[in-house]
Amino acid sequence: MVCCRNCGAFCRRLFCRQNDVNEEIPISPIQLAEAREVKFNQTLIDPLSIGSHIVCTGTPSEDLPWFAINIGCGDADSGRGDIAVHFNVRLPQCYVVRNTRRHDKWGVEETTAYSKFPFKIDTLFTVEVLVDEKETLWAVNGIHYCSYAHRNPSALIANWVQVTGVRDATLNVLKTELYPTLAPPLFEVPQRDCVNGPIKNGEPSWHSNIIATLPIGIPEEHQLVIHGRLRPMLHSFVLDLMDNAREWPRPNILLHVNLRAHVDSQLDRQLVVLNAWLGDWGAERRQRTARLIPGSKSTVRIVRGSSEWMVYANDLLIGELEYRASPFGVTAMRLRGDLYPEQIYIAPSSSSPVYEKPTSI
């Protein structure tokens, strides 16, 4: 197997990083050679198909700071076969490269991720790979990490799976009806009596990149409120209202809010993209309306209106999207990217009573 080109180059990841500043830490040619020699191959008896579920476990070691999971076709032993998906973990740089190799030539590297770098030296990992119609989904220790769109060759024509650079690697290839299978229990979004009401006992301790259930949906004249902090190197975040609390099979997304601070970042307003997924993406609505300050505490609200969703950021209306499916279908929310939530709750919309702090006597 041949490593990706530009193996030492640092590529910025789309969402969260282990650190906002990364130093280039070289890997010696000897270490790379040793990592490539430590191989575990598994031949696929049946071809991969939608719902195929590959589970890989292992423990990275300090002397092999580079490892990869490859899904490929052709001759795996010679190292000259095509690689449909190359999932390359580079521990010194704290990021993961995905790529495809065809006829001994690598394509364009992808380094996007939905969460912080999850791998550590001498710490057991479990990687789940879900094969879908158009892409593979990758979860680490039960948390969805990234997606990788099928290229040529596609993972659907692969005849082997290979792990390199991990001495205690295991592989298991099955079928699944749910992904990720190791996902932690879901939080429920609580209710409050008014938009700035106090935190109630028993509310969850939120973390980034979450899926949570909405037990009562978002009732009429109510709103979903998210208080959080923006990443200092703000790139983007995504907020989805869904009809099911899961990653896969894919839920319908009744409202998709995507703030893209990286697009024309020199401008004073950030790009907001609104859409819905109902078996496929509809027409986007794009506007440059947000004025978020990186590193600051911010509040995002989604208000259920009479015929549309209204999205506010720090009390500024940044977008509206007409209902493309009944709002009664919303049962879950998903937040990804550079907004780190501290409070999430359902409350009456702005016409509701305002909570007043008690005055001291």
Protein backbone atom coordinates (compact mmCIF):
# COMPACT_ATOMS: atom_id res chain seq x y z
CA MET A 1 0.00 0.00 0.00
CA VAL A 2 1.19 3.51 -0.79
CA CYS A 3 0.45 6.44 1.50
CA CYS A 4 -1.53 9.46 0.28
CA ARG A 5 0.44 12.14 -1.50
CA ASN A 6 1.52 15.12 0.57
CA CYS A 7 1.49 12.87 3.63
CA GLY A 8 3.11 15.53 5.79
CA ALA A 9 0.88 18.40 4.70
CA PHE A 10 -1.58 19.78 7.20
CA CYS A 11 -5.08 20.29 5.81
CA ARG A 12 -7.63 22.32 7.66
CA ARG A 13 -10.63 20.34 8.85
CA LEU A 14 -14.10 21.66 8.16
CA PHE A 15 -15.50 21.65 11.66
CA CYS A 16 -13.84 20.92 15.02
CA ARG A 17 -10.13 20.42 15.60
CA GLN A 18 -8.22 18.89 18.46
CA ASN A 19 -6.53 22.27 18.80
CA ASP A 20 -7.09 25.51 16.92
CA VAL A 21 -3.34 25.61 16.18
CA ASN A 22 -1.52 22.45 15.09
CA GLU A 23 2.22 22.06 14.76
CA GLU A 24 3.63 19.97 11.99
CA ILE A 25 5.08 16.82 13.56
CA PRO A 26 6.99 14.75 11.03
CA ILE A 27 6.74 10.97 10.75
CA SER A 28 9.98 9.29 9.81
CA PRO A 29 10.18 7.14 6.66
CA ILE A 30 11.08 4.18 8.87
CA GLN A 31 7.89 4.60 10.92
CA LEU A 32 5.81 4.84 7.75
CA ALA A 33 7.44 1.75 6.30
CA GLU A 34 6.82 -0.21 9.50
CA ALA A 35 3.18 0.89 9.62
CA ARG A 36 2.61 -0.28 6.03
CA GLU A 37 4.14 -3.65 6.80
CA VAL A 38 1.74 -4.31 9.71
CA LYS A 39 -1.29 -5.50 7.75
CA PHE A 40 -4.49 -7.35 8.43
CA ASN A 41 -6.49 -8.31 5.33
CA GLN A 42 -9.99 -9.71 5.17
CA THR A 43 -11.44 -10.95 1.90
CA LEU A 44 -15.11 -10.15 1.36
CA ILE A 45 -17.15 -13.26 0.67
CA ASP A 46 -20.17 -11.19 -0.44
CA PRO A 47 -19.95 -7.75 -2.08
CA LEU A 48 -20.71 -4.71 0.02
CA SER A 49 -24.22 -3.29 -0.33
CA ILE A 50 -26.47 -0.73 1.31
CA GLY A 51 -26.47 -1.54 5.02
CA SER A 52 -23.13 -3.36 5.05
CA HIS A 53 -21.50 -2.68 8.39
CA ILE A 54 -17.75 -2.96 8.90
CA VAL A 55 -16.49 -2.85 12.49
CA CYS A 56 -12.77 -2.41 13.14
CA THR A 57 -11.10 -2.32 16.55
CA GLY A 58 -7.50 -1.77 17.54
CA THR A 59 -5.03 0.16 19.67
CA PRO A 60 -2.62 2.72 18.14
CA SER A 61 0.94 2.39 19.41
CA GLU A 62 3.53 5.09 19.89
CA ASP A 63 6.03 3.48 17.51
CA LEU A 64 3.38 3.31 14.72
CA PRO A 65 1.80 6.80 14.75
CA TRP A 66 0.12 6.28 11.36
CA PHE A 67 -2.57 3.73 10.52
CA ALA A 68 -5.22 3.23 7.86
CA ILE A 69 -8.41 1.35 7.11
CA ASN A 70 -8.71 0.55 3.40
CA ILE A 71 -11.65 -0.78 1.38
CA GLY A 72 -10.47 -1.89 -2.02
CA CYS A 73 -10.46 -4.21 -5.00
CA GLY A 74 -7.80 -6.00 -7.00
CA ASP A 75 -4.68 -7.51 -5.46
CA ALA A 76 -4.47 -6.42 -1.80
CA ASP A 77 -1.25 -8.31 -1.03
CA SER A 78 0.82 -6.62 -3.71
CA GLY A 79 -0.18 -3.13 -2.58
CA ARG A 80 -1.07 -2.22 -6.18
CA GLY A 81 -4.85 -2.73 -6.00
CA ASP A 82 -7.34 0.09 -6.22
CA ILE A 83 -8.50 1.60 -2.92
CA ALA A 84 -12.11 2.80 -2.93
CA VAL A 85 -11.84 4.34 0.55
CA HIS A 86 -8.58 5.12 2.35
CA PHE A 87 -9.24 6.23 5.96
CA ASN A 88 -5.81 7.39 7.11
CA VAL A 89 -5.35 8.37 10.78
CA ARG A 90 -2.31 10.58 11.43
CA LEU A 91 -1.87 10.83 15.17
CA PRO A 92 0.99 13.38 15.33
CA GLN A 93 -1.03 15.85 13.24
CA CYS A 94 -4.36 14.94 14.93
CA TYR A 95 -6.43 14.57 11.78
CA VAL A 96 -7.81 11.92 9.43
CA VAL A 97 -7.42 11.90 5.63
CA ARG A 98 -9.86 10.18 3.29
CA ASN A 99 -9.02 9.48 -0.31
CA THR A 100 -9.38 7.07 -3.26
CA ARG A 101 -6.60 5.48 -5.30
CA ARG A 102 -7.28 4.32 -8.86
CA HIS A 103 -4.66 2.99 -11.26
CA ASP A 104 -1.97 3.92 -8.71
CA LYS A 105 -3.05 7.58 -8.61
CA TRP A 106 -4.54 9.35 -5.60
CA GLY A 107 -7.44 11.77 -5.80
CA VAL A 108 -8.12 14.90 -3.78
CA GLU A 109 -7.77 14.44 -0.02
CA GLU A 110 -10.72 15.07 2.28
CA THR A 111 -10.16 16.03 5.91
CA THR A 112 -13.59 17.26 7.00
CA ALA A 113 -14.88 16.03 10.36
CA TYR A 114 -17.91 16.54 12.58
CA SER A 115 -16.10 16.17 15.90
CA LYS A 116 -12.74 16.48 17.56
CA PHE A 117 -9.97 14.06 16.70
CA PRO A 118 -10.97 10.91 18.64
CA PHE A 119 -7.86 8.70 18.50
CA LYS A 120 -5.21 8.39 21.21
CA ILE A 121 -2.00 6.39 21.58
CA ASP A 122 -2.46 3.17 23.61
CA THR A 123 -6.25 3.64 23.71
CA LEU A 124 -8.59 1.09 22.16
CA PHE A 125 -10.83 2.42 19.36
CA THR A 126 -13.86 1.04 17.54
CA VAL A 127 -14.53 2.33 14.04
CA GLU A 128 -17.89 1.58 12.41
CA VAL A 129 -18.26 1.91 8.63
CA LEU A 130 -21.75 2.01 7.17
CA VAL A 131 -22.14 1.57 3.41
CA ASP A 132 -24.95 3.65 1.93
CA GLU A 133 -26.12 4.18 -1.63
CA LYS A 134 -23.90 7.20 -2.36
CA GLU A 135 -21.34 7.26 0.45
CA THR A 136 -19.77 5.54 3.43
CA LEU A 137 -20.41 6.83 6.95
CA TRP A 138 -17.69 6.59 9.61
CA ALA A 139 -18.24 6.54 13.38
CA VAL A 140 -15.56 6.32 16.08
CA ASN A 141 -16.51 4.92 19.49
CA GLY A 142 -20.20 5.35 18.73
CA ILE A 143 -19.99 8.98 17.51
CA HIS A 144 -20.47 9.84 13.84
CA TYR A 145 -17.19 11.31 12.60
CA CYS A 146 -17.43 11.89 8.84
CA SER A 147 -18.91 10.83 5.52
CA TYR A 148 -17.14 9.99 2.28
CA ALA A 149 -18.93 10.06 -1.08
CA HIS A 150 -18.34 7.13 -3.42
CA ARG A 151 -15.77 7.77 -6.12
CA ASN A 152 -14.42 5.53 -8.87
CA PRO A 153 -13.96 2.77 -7.85
CA SER A 154 -16.89 2.67 -5.47
CA ALA A 155 -16.86 0.78 -2.18
CA LEU A 156 -19.80 -1.21 -3.57
CA ILE A 157 -17.44 -3.17 -5.86
CA ALA A 158 -14.77 -3.83 -3.20
CA ASN A 159 -13.56 -7.37 -2.52
CA TRP A 160 -11.34 -6.80 0.53
CA VAL A 161 -10.92 -4.71 3.66
CA GLN A 162 -7.49 -4.01 5.11
CA VAL A 163 -6.07 -2.45 8.28
CA THR A 164 -2.46 -1.28 8.32
CA GLY A 165 -0.39 0.08 11.20
CA VAL A 166 -2.40 -1.58 14.02
CA ARG A 167 -0.98 -4.76 15.56
CA ASP A 168 -4.11 -5.92 17.42
CA ALA A 169 -6.61 -5.06 14.68
CA THR A 170 -9.89 -6.96 14.33
CA LEU A 171 -12.43 -6.77 11.51
CA ASN A 172 -16.04 -7.87 11.31
CA VAL A 173 -18.32 -7.40 8.29
CA LEU A 174 -22.08 -7.79 8.84
CA LYS A 175 -25.36 -6.07 7.94
CA THR A 176 -27.10 -3.53 10.14
CA GLU A 177 -30.40 -1.68 10.31
CA LEU A 178 -29.07 1.13 12.52
CA TYR A 179 -25.92 3.26 12.61
CA PRO A 180 -23.95 3.85 14.72
CA THR A 181 -24.72 0.76 16.76
CA LEU A 182 -22.58 1.97 19.69
CA ALA A 183 -24.24 5.42 19.92
CA PRO A 184 -24.81 6.68 23.49
CA PRO A 185 -28.37 7.19 24.82
CA LEU A 186 -30.13 10.23 23.41
CA PHE A 187 -30.92 13.35 25.44
CA GLU A 188 -34.42 14.83 25.52
CA VAL A 189 -34.81 18.57 24.92
CA PRO A 190 -36.62 20.01 27.97
CA GLN A 191 -39.38 22.62 28.11
CA ARG A 192 -39.30 26.02 29.83
CA ASP A 193 -42.16 28.38 30.61
CA CYS A 194 -40.60 31.38 28.86
CA VAL A 195 -37.71 32.11 26.52
CA ASN A 196 -35.31 33.38 29.19
CA GLY A 197 -36.54 31.25 32.07
CA PRO A 198 -34.15 29.62 34.56
CA ILE A 199 -32.49 26.24 34.08
CA LYS A 200 -34.63 23.49 35.56
CA ASN A 201 -33.37 20.56 37.60
CA GLY A 202 -32.51 17.52 35.53
CA GLU A 203 -31.70 19.33 32.28
CA PRO A 204 -28.96 17.58 30.26
CA SER A 205 -25.32 18.61 30.28
CA TRP A 206 -24.95 19.25 26.57
CA HIS A 207 -21.95 18.51 24.36
CA SER A 208 -21.08 19.37 20.78
CA ASN A 209 -22.31 17.44 17.74
CA ILE A 210 -25.45 15.97 19.26
CA ILE A 211 -28.74 14.41 18.25
CA ALA A 212 -31.57 14.90 20.74
CA THR A 213 -35.25 14.03 20.82
CA LEU A 214 -38.05 16.59 20.93
CA PRO A 215 -40.77 14.73 22.90
CA ILE A 216 -43.45 17.35 22.11
CA GLY A 217 -41.93 18.50 18.83
CA ILE A 218 -42.05 22.27 18.43
CA PRO A 219 -45.67 23.20 19.17
CA GLU A 220 -47.44 26.13 17.54
CA GLU A 221 -46.27 29.49 18.88
CA HIS A 222 -43.16 27.84 20.37
CA GLN A 223 -39.48 27.86 19.52
CA LEU A 224 -36.30 25.85 19.89
CA VAL A 225 -33.66 27.86 21.77
CA ILE A 226 -29.92 27.09 21.76
CA HIS A 227 -27.51 29.07 23.94
CA GLY A 228 -23.87 28.26 23.26
CA ARG A 229 -20.41 29.44 22.42
CA LEU A 230 -18.99 29.78 18.94
CA ARG A 231 -15.62 28.32 18.11
CA PRO A 232 -12.89 31.01 18.01
CA MET A 233 -11.93 29.93 14.49
CA LEU A 234 -15.53 29.89 13.30
CA HIS A 235 -16.00 27.89 10.12
CA SER A 236 -19.56 26.57 10.00
CA PHE A 237 -22.32 24.80 11.86
CA VAL A 238 -25.48 22.91 10.91
CA LEU A 239 -28.80 22.68 12.74
CA ASP A 240 -31.41 20.18 11.50
CA LEU A 241 -35.01 19.55 12.55
CA MET A 242 -35.76 15.90 11.75
CA ASP A 243 -38.55 13.34 11.84
CA ASN A 244 -36.36 10.73 13.54
CA ALA A 245 -33.50 10.85 16.04
CA ARG A 246 -30.86 8.88 14.16
CA GLU A 247 -27.99 9.18 11.69
CA TRP A 248 -29.03 6.26 9.48
CA PRO A 249 -31.35 5.21 7.92
CA ARG A 250 -31.51 8.83 6.89
CA PRO A 251 -34.27 10.82 8.55
CA ASN A 252 -36.22 13.46 6.72
CA ILE A 253 -34.95 16.96 7.53
CA LEU A 254 -37.85 19.38 7.72
CA LEU A 255 -35.51 22.33 8.26
CA HIS A 256 -31.79 22.48 7.52
CA VAL A 257 -29.91 25.57 8.73
CA ASN A 258 -26.28 25.85 7.61
CA LEU A 259 -24.19 28.84 8.63
CA ARG A 260 -21.04 29.07 6.49
CA ALA A 261 -18.65 31.60 7.97
CA HIS A 262 -15.81 30.39 5.73
CA VAL A 263 -17.47 31.52 2.49
CA ASP A 264 -16.19 35.02 1.61
CA SER A 265 -15.16 35.36 5.24
CA GLN A 266 -13.86 38.89 4.67
CA LEU A 267 -17.45 40.17 4.34
CA ASP A 268 -19.21 41.61 7.38
CA ARG A 269 -22.17 39.19 7.15
CA GLN A 270 -22.02 35.40 7.09
CA LEU A 271 -23.81 33.14 4.61
CA VAL A 272 -26.94 31.29 5.79
CA VAL A 273 -28.27 28.39 3.71
CA LEU A 274 -31.77 26.99 4.37
CA ASN A 275 -33.20 23.82 2.86
CA ALA A 276 -35.10 20.59 3.55
CA TRP A 277 -34.34 16.92 2.81
CA LEU A 278 -37.44 14.87 1.97
CA GLY A 279 -35.81 11.94 0.24
CA ASP A 280 -33.61 14.44 -1.59
CA TRP A 281 -32.53 18.04 -1.17
CA GLY A 282 -34.92 20.73 -2.32
CA ALA A 283 -34.12 24.22 -3.59
CA GLU A 284 -31.69 26.10 -1.34
CA ARG A 285 -32.46 29.49 0.08
CA ARG A 286 -29.25 31.47 0.53
CA GLN A 287 -28.76 34.84 2.15
CA ARG A 288 -25.86 36.70 3.71
CA THR A 289 -27.64 37.78 6.88
CA ALA A 290 -25.79 36.52 9.99
CA ARG A 291 -23.47 38.64 12.10
CA LEU A 292 -21.93 36.20 14.54
CA ILE A 293 -18.72 36.95 16.41
CA PRO A 294 -16.27 34.01 16.61
CA GLY A 295 -15.53 32.92 20.18
CA SER A 296 -18.57 34.71 21.61
CA LYS A 297 -21.62 33.39 23.42
CA SER A 298 -24.56 33.34 21.02
CA THR A 299 -28.21 32.33 20.92
CA VAL A 300 -29.87 30.64 17.94
CA ARG A 301 -33.67 30.33 17.92
CA ILE A 302 -35.96 28.52 15.49
CA VAL A 303 -39.50 29.82 15.76
CA ARG A 304 -42.48 27.91 14.40
CA GLY A 305 -44.56 30.48 12.55
CA SER A 306 -47.96 30.21 10.91
CA SER A 307 -46.58 28.94 7.59
CA GLU A 308 -42.79 29.03 7.89
CA TRP A 309 -39.78 28.43 10.10
CA MET A 310 -38.07 31.61 11.25
CA VAL A 311 -34.39 31.48 12.26
CA TYR A 312 -32.86 34.06 14.59
CA ALA A 313 -29.26 34.53 15.70
CA ASN A 314 -28.80 36.89 18.65
CA ASP A 315 -32.33 38.25 18.03
CA LEU A 316 -31.55 39.08 14.40
CA LEU A 317 -33.79 37.33 11.84
CA ILE A 318 -31.34 35.55 9.54
CA GLY A 319 -33.71 33.45 7.45
CA GLU A 320 -37.20 32.08 6.79
CA LEU A 321 -38.21 28.85 5.05
CA GLU A 322 -41.77 27.92 4.18
CA TYR A 323 -43.01 24.57 5.43
CA ARG A 324 -42.11 21.86 2.94
CA ALA A 325 -43.62 19.18 5.17
CA SER A 326 -45.98 19.35 8.13
CA PRO A 327 -44.21 20.90 11.17
CA PHE A 328 -45.98 18.30 13.32
CA GLY A 329 -43.48 15.79 11.93
CA VAL A 330 -40.52 17.26 13.84
CA THR A 331 -39.44 14.83 16.60
CA ALA A 332 -35.66 15.40 16.83
CA MET A 333 -32.88 17.92 16.32
CA ARG A 334 -29.24 17.57 15.28
CA LEU A 335 -26.48 20.11 15.86
CA ARG A 336 -23.06 19.78 14.24
CA GLY A 337 -20.03 21.96 13.94
CA ASP A 338 -18.76 25.13 15.54
CA LEU A 339 -21.62 26.00 17.90
CA TYR A 340 -20.98 24.36 21.28
CA PRO A 341 -24.32 24.20 23.15
CA GLU A 342 -24.68 25.03 26.83
CA GLN A 343 -28.48 25.17 27.00
CA ILE A 344 -31.13 23.74 24.65
CA TYR A 345 -34.85 23.92 25.35
CA ILE A 346 -38.34 24.49 23.97
CA ALA A 347 -40.16 27.66 25.06
CA PRO A 348 -43.12 29.77 23.96
CA SER A 349 -42.26 32.23 21.22
CA SER A 350 -41.62 35.94 21.76
CA SER A 351 -45.24 36.79 22.54
CA SER A 352 -44.98 34.75 25.76
CA PRO A 353 -44.42 36.29 29.22
CA VAL A 354 -40.88 37.40 29.95
CA TYR A 355 -39.27 35.91 33.01
CA GLU A 356 -38.32 38.52 35.56
CA LYS A 357 -35.57 37.97 38.09
CA PRO A 358 -36.77 38.41 41.69
CA THR A 359 -35.69 41.68 43.21
CA SER A 360 -33.99 41.74 46.57
CA ILE A 361 -35.68 43.56 49.42
